[in-house]
Amino acid sequence: MALLLKAIAGLAALVLLVVTLFGQILTLGGVLLAAIKIAVVVIFLAVLTLVIFFILRDRFRHKRETELG
């Protein structure tokens, strides 16, 4: 009887440990997904800024070339 109770308690502890670890993995996954989303937004903004910079630089360069003649 005592052996059966120890086995049931061990299995219950193992199940609770797995559930706790699974919850932590989901939380870590959420944090990682948030970090990936933030990184994507930052990269998008950097590319957008570079595109705008190159467009404006090209316009100013063409303006100078037409003024110099």
Protein backbone atom coordinates (compact mmCIF):
# COMPACT_ATOMS: atom_id res chain seq x y z
CA MET A 1 0.00 0.00 0.00
CA ALA A 2 2.79 2.43 0.92
CA LEU A 3 4.62 1.57 -2.27
CA LEU A 4 1.46 2.32 -4.30
CA LEU A 5 1.04 5.69 -2.56
CA LYS A 6 4.69 6.56 -3.22
CA ALA A 7 4.29 5.62 -6.89
CA ILE A 8 1.13 7.73 -7.23
CA ALA A 9 2.80 10.66 -5.45
CA GLY A 10 5.85 10.34 -7.70
CA LEU A 11 3.69 10.30 -10.82
CA ALA A 12 1.67 13.28 -9.58
CA ALA A 13 4.89 15.21 -8.88
CA LEU A 14 6.20 14.33 -12.33
CA VAL A 15 2.97 15.48 -14.00
CA LEU A 16 2.98 18.75 -12.05
CA LEU A 17 6.64 19.29 -12.95
CA VAL A 18 5.90 18.74 -16.65
CA VAL A 19 2.92 21.12 -16.51
CA THR A 20 5.03 23.79 -14.80
CA LEU A 21 7.87 23.41 -17.29
CA PHE A 22 5.42 23.52 -20.19
CA GLY A 23 3.98 26.77 -18.84
CA GLN A 24 7.47 28.26 -18.58
CA ILE A 25 8.30 27.15 -22.13
CA LEU A 26 5.14 28.86 -23.38
CA THR A 27 6.10 32.03 -21.52
CA LEU A 28 9.61 31.88 -22.97
CA GLY A 29 8.11 31.28 -26.40
CA GLY A 30 5.93 34.36 -25.97
CA VAL A 31 8.94 36.43 -25.00
CA LEU A 32 10.91 35.12 -27.97
CA LEU A 33 8.02 35.81 -30.34
CA ALA A 34 7.76 39.35 -29.00
CA ALA A 35 11.51 39.83 -29.48
CA ILE A 36 11.27 38.54 -33.05
CA LYS A 37 8.35 40.87 -33.79
CA ILE A 38 10.26 43.84 -32.38
CA ALA A 39 13.32 42.90 -34.43
CA VAL A 40 11.22 42.70 -37.61
CA VAL A 41 9.74 46.14 -36.95
CA VAL A 42 13.18 47.64 -36.27
CA ILE A 43 14.63 46.11 -39.45
CA PHE A 44 11.65 47.35 -41.46
CA LEU A 45 12.07 50.88 -40.11
CA ALA A 46 15.80 50.79 -40.83
CA VAL A 47 15.22 49.71 -44.43
CA LEU A 48 12.48 52.31 -44.88
CA THR A 49 14.78 55.02 -43.50
CA LEU A 50 17.59 53.99 -45.84
CA VAL A 51 15.27 54.01 -48.86
CA ILE A 52 14.01 57.51 -48.01
CA PHE A 53 17.60 58.67 -47.43
CA PHE A 54 18.78 57.37 -50.81
CA ILE A 55 15.78 58.87 -52.62
CA LEU A 56 16.39 62.29 -51.07
CA ARG A 57 20.14 62.09 -51.74
CA ASP A 58 19.49 61.22 -55.39
CA ARG A 59 17.06 64.15 -55.76
CA PHE A 60 19.55 66.61 -54.27
CA ARG A 61 22.30 65.23 -56.48
CA HIS A 62 20.16 65.65 -59.60
CA LYS A 63 19.22 69.16 -58.51
CA ARG A 64 22.91 70.10 -58.15
CA GLU A 65 23.78 68.59 -61.52
CA THR A 66 21.05 70.58 -63.28
CA GLU A 67 22.13 73.81 -61.53
CA LEU A 68 25.76 73.31 -62.49
CA GLY A 69 24.69 72.58 -65.97
